[in-house]
Amino acid sequence: MTSLVRVIGRGVGRLGGVWALALQLAHRFPDARVVAFEPEPTNFRHLVTNLRGTPNVQPVNAALGAATRVASLKVGLAVSH
């Protein structure tokens, strides 16, 4: 049976980005297929570059949500907590 781990970009930025979590999961679970979602094009290119040589990670240039629809992605906005 094939395992599937989905890595969602939201909330992992402070940990080093989606690629860092995807890489950790890929090494921790070498028999799993890790799917890493990154909607922002520049970050996606970095994701692909950083995951070269990690065959069990599938990068996807898309966001993951509860509904199927097209949405705008606003980049560079300040976030306050």
C-alpha atoms as a PDB file:
ATOM      1  CA  MET A   1       0.000   0.000   0.000  1.00  0.00           C
ATOM      2  CA  THR A   2       1.294   3.467  -0.886  1.00  0.00           C
ATOM      3  CA  SER A   3       1.348   6.158   1.785  1.00  0.00           C
ATOM      4  CA  LEU A   4       0.558   9.773   0.983  1.00  0.00           C
ATOM      5  CA  VAL A   5       1.624  12.783   3.008  1.00  0.00           C
ATOM      6  CA  ARG A   6       0.377  16.239   1.961  1.00  0.00           C
ATOM      7  CA  VAL A   7       2.425  19.262   2.926  1.00  0.00           C
ATOM      8  CA  ILE A   8       0.399  22.465   3.109  1.00  0.00           C
ATOM      9  CA  GLY A   9       2.290  25.743   2.913  1.00  0.00           C
ATOM     10  CA  ARG A  10       0.163  27.729   5.344  1.00  0.00           C
ATOM     11  CA  GLY A  11       1.736  27.911   8.771  1.00  0.00           C
ATOM     12  CA  VAL A  12       5.128  26.364   8.009  1.00  0.00           C
ATOM     13  CA  GLY A  13       6.931  29.509   6.834  1.00  0.00           C
ATOM     14  CA  ARG A  14       8.606  30.054  10.184  1.00  0.00           C
ATOM     15  CA  LEU A  15       9.950  26.519  10.098  1.00  0.00           C
ATOM     16  CA  GLY A  16      11.960  27.138   6.925  1.00  0.00           C
ATOM     17  CA  GLY A  17       9.278  26.862   4.279  1.00  0.00           C
ATOM     18  CA  VAL A  18       7.297  24.137   2.611  1.00  0.00           C
ATOM     19  CA  TRP A  19      10.453  22.606   1.115  1.00  0.00           C
ATOM     20  CA  ALA A  20      12.053  22.111   4.550  1.00  0.00           C
ATOM     21  CA  LEU A  21       9.033  20.274   5.922  1.00  0.00           C
ATOM     22  CA  ALA A  22       8.643  18.236   2.724  1.00  0.00           C
ATOM     23  CA  LEU A  23      12.316  17.246   2.868  1.00  0.00           C
ATOM     24  CA  GLN A  24      12.065  16.223   6.522  1.00  0.00           C
ATOM     25  CA  LEU A  25       8.971  14.121   5.839  1.00  0.00           C
ATOM     26  CA  ALA A  26      10.529  12.528   2.746  1.00  0.00           C
ATOM     27  CA  HIS A  27      13.565  11.411   4.753  1.00  0.00           C
ATOM     28  CA  ARG A  28      11.521  10.357   7.776  1.00  0.00           C
ATOM     29  CA  PHE A  29       9.084   8.329   5.646  1.00  0.00           C
ATOM     30  CA  PRO A  30      11.104   7.123   2.625  1.00  0.00           C
ATOM     31  CA  ASP A  31       8.334   4.788   1.422  1.00  0.00           C
ATOM     32  CA  ALA A  32       5.727   7.578   1.412  1.00  0.00           C
ATOM     33  CA  ARG A  33       4.909   9.951  -1.414  1.00  0.00           C
ATOM     34  CA  VAL A  34       4.965  13.540  -0.144  1.00  0.00           C
ATOM     35  CA  VAL A  35       2.884  16.115  -2.034  1.00  0.00           C
ATOM     36  CA  ALA A  36       4.033  19.692  -1.342  1.00  0.00           C
ATOM     37  CA  PHE A  37       1.639  22.512  -2.306  1.00  0.00           C
ATOM     38  CA  GLU A  38       3.008  26.014  -2.948  1.00  0.00           C
ATOM     39  CA  PRO A  39       0.774  28.539  -4.756  1.00  0.00           C
ATOM     40  CA  GLU A  40       3.235  31.441  -5.128  1.00  0.00           C
ATOM     41  CA  PRO A  41       5.304  31.073  -8.346  1.00  0.00           C
ATOM     42  CA  THR A  42       8.669  32.310  -7.022  1.00  0.00           C
ATOM     43  CA  ASN A  43       8.418  30.180  -3.882  1.00  0.00           C
ATOM     44  CA  PHE A  44       7.392  27.226  -6.046  1.00  0.00           C
ATOM     45  CA  ARG A  45      10.582  27.573  -8.116  1.00  0.00           C
ATOM     46  CA  HIS A  46      12.595  27.544  -4.870  1.00  0.00           C
ATOM     47  CA  LEU A  47      10.628  24.515  -3.715  1.00  0.00           C
ATOM     48  CA  VAL A  48      11.488  22.604  -6.896  1.00  0.00           C
ATOM     49  CA  THR A  49      15.161  23.620  -6.667  1.00  0.00           C
ATOM     50  CA  ASN A  50      15.480  22.676  -3.004  1.00  0.00           C
ATOM     51  CA  LEU A  51      13.817  19.292  -3.514  1.00  0.00           C
ATOM     52  CA  ARG A  52      15.963  18.130  -6.443  1.00  0.00           C
ATOM     53  CA  GLY A  53      17.133  14.592  -5.831  1.00  0.00           C
ATOM     54  CA  THR A  54      14.179  13.774  -3.583  1.00  0.00           C
ATOM     55  CA  PRO A  55      12.122  11.433  -5.775  1.00  0.00           C
ATOM     56  CA  ASN A  56       9.341  10.765  -3.267  1.00  0.00           C
ATOM     57  CA  VAL A  57       8.293  14.459  -3.141  1.00  0.00           C
ATOM     58  CA  GLN A  58       5.840  15.790  -5.727  1.00  0.00           C
ATOM     59  CA  PRO A  59       5.756  19.609  -5.790  1.00  0.00           C
ATOM     60  CA  VAL A  60       2.437  21.141  -6.910  1.00  0.00           C
ATOM     61  CA  ASN A  61       2.116  24.815  -7.904  1.00  0.00           C
ATOM     62  CA  ALA A  62      -1.348  25.291  -6.420  1.00  0.00           C
ATOM     63  CA  ALA A  63      -3.153  26.070  -3.189  1.00  0.00           C
ATOM     64  CA  LEU A  64      -5.194  23.537  -1.298  1.00  0.00           C
ATOM     65  CA  GLY A  65      -8.608  24.471   0.056  1.00  0.00           C
ATOM     66  CA  ALA A  66     -12.036  23.212   0.985  1.00  0.00           C
ATOM     67  CA  ALA A  67     -13.623  24.228  -2.319  1.00  0.00           C
ATOM     68  CA  THR A  68     -12.659  24.049  -5.975  1.00  0.00           C
ATOM     69  CA  ARG A  69     -12.351  27.586  -7.276  1.00  0.00           C
ATOM     70  CA  VAL A  70      -9.933  30.156  -8.621  1.00  0.00           C
ATOM     71  CA  ALA A  71      -8.728  32.815  -6.183  1.00  0.00           C
ATOM     72  CA  SER A  72      -6.302  35.726  -6.213  1.00  0.00           C
ATOM     73  CA  LEU A  73      -3.037  35.391  -4.323  1.00  0.00           C
ATOM     74  CA  LYS A  74      -1.814  38.626  -2.764  1.00  0.00           C
ATOM     75  CA  VAL A  75       1.957  38.608  -2.275  1.00  0.00           C
ATOM     76  CA  GLY A  76       4.021  40.939  -0.149  1.00  0.00           C
ATOM     77  CA  LEU A  77       1.370  41.998   2.320  1.00  0.00           C
ATOM     78  CA  ALA A  78       2.398  42.552   5.912  1.00  0.00           C
ATOM     79  CA  VAL A  79       0.806  40.189   8.414  1.00  0.00           C
ATOM     80  CA  SER A  80       0.275  41.249  11.998  1.00  0.00           C
ATOM     81  CA  HIS A  81      -0.495  38.965  14.909  1.00  0.00           C
END
